Structure formats: structure tokens, C-alpha cells
């Protein structure tokens, strides 16, 4: 079977980082609103969404009013706490992902990542994965900061395909 390219999701597919996102958001909501987030609800409801959408949905579910400035402030705090969590930990990849990426790379299949993570969140985890060697195999990355429409909209994947020169 021939592949023109492979475009991977990142969080929850290559790397096990969703719990870091949960803990960072939970920390924010506890600190500002004295409410603990339920882990299962977080995973079922918010995983895969970009941070801005997650924060807005959570605040709406709590009946809180907010401005875009409030969301911007919470986003900065979340990014800072997420970075602190990641730097003090070892990011794990899901079993089989690094061998799959290595095999595809050895077969000269162009590889990309399309993620709803911000560029900052992505970069801090990406440099840690496989001691930075994963970056040698991935030709291009597209983050939430690089597109207008986040996943599940196809724009991140289409953008990655375009950067790989795949029609």
C-alpha cells in the first residue's frame, strides 16, 4: 500500500498529554471559581477542543459571565501552569507510535502533525518527546495558532497537507 503522507493528531494520539491539560484547567477553575472539574467529564466533553473553546464551555456550564479579556487572562495562566507541569514531568508516548513514525519515516513517507494545541503547548511537549528526535522525522506541524478553524474542521489537516505539497 502506498501513502502520499501521514498527518497525525498529537495530544491523545502520539503523546499522552490530555491529563496535563486537565490538571492545568482544573487548577485554574479551582483557583478562580472554587469548583473542581470532574476528570471523566473533562475527557468526554472537552478533549480534542482548543483551550479557548474549553474555557468558554466550562465557564458557561458554571453559569459564569466572562469577557474575551477574561479568557485571554485564563489562557495565559493555563499555558504557564501547563508548561510548569510538563517541565516537571516526562511526557509519554502511546505504545507503538514512535516505531510507527520511525517506520513511515524510513519508507520516506512525509509526516506531519495537526493539533488543536497552541504553538507554545505543542513546542514544550514536542521538544521533550523522544529527546527531541521526533522532530527529525516530522516534516511540518500545524497548531491551533496556525489556522482560523480548529478541529474537527478539516482546515488543520488541509493546511498540513498543503505544507507537505500533497493534493
Foldseek 3Di string as FASTA:
>chain_A
DDDQAEEAAPDPAFWPCVVLLQVLVQVLCCVPPVDGDDPVCCVVPPPQAAQLVSVVVVCVVVVHDDDVVRSVVSVVSSLVSSLVVPVVDQIDTDPPNVVVLVVCLVVVHAYEYQYQYDPSNCVSNCCRPVVNVSVVRHPYYHYNVNDDDGPVPCVSVVVSCVVSVHD
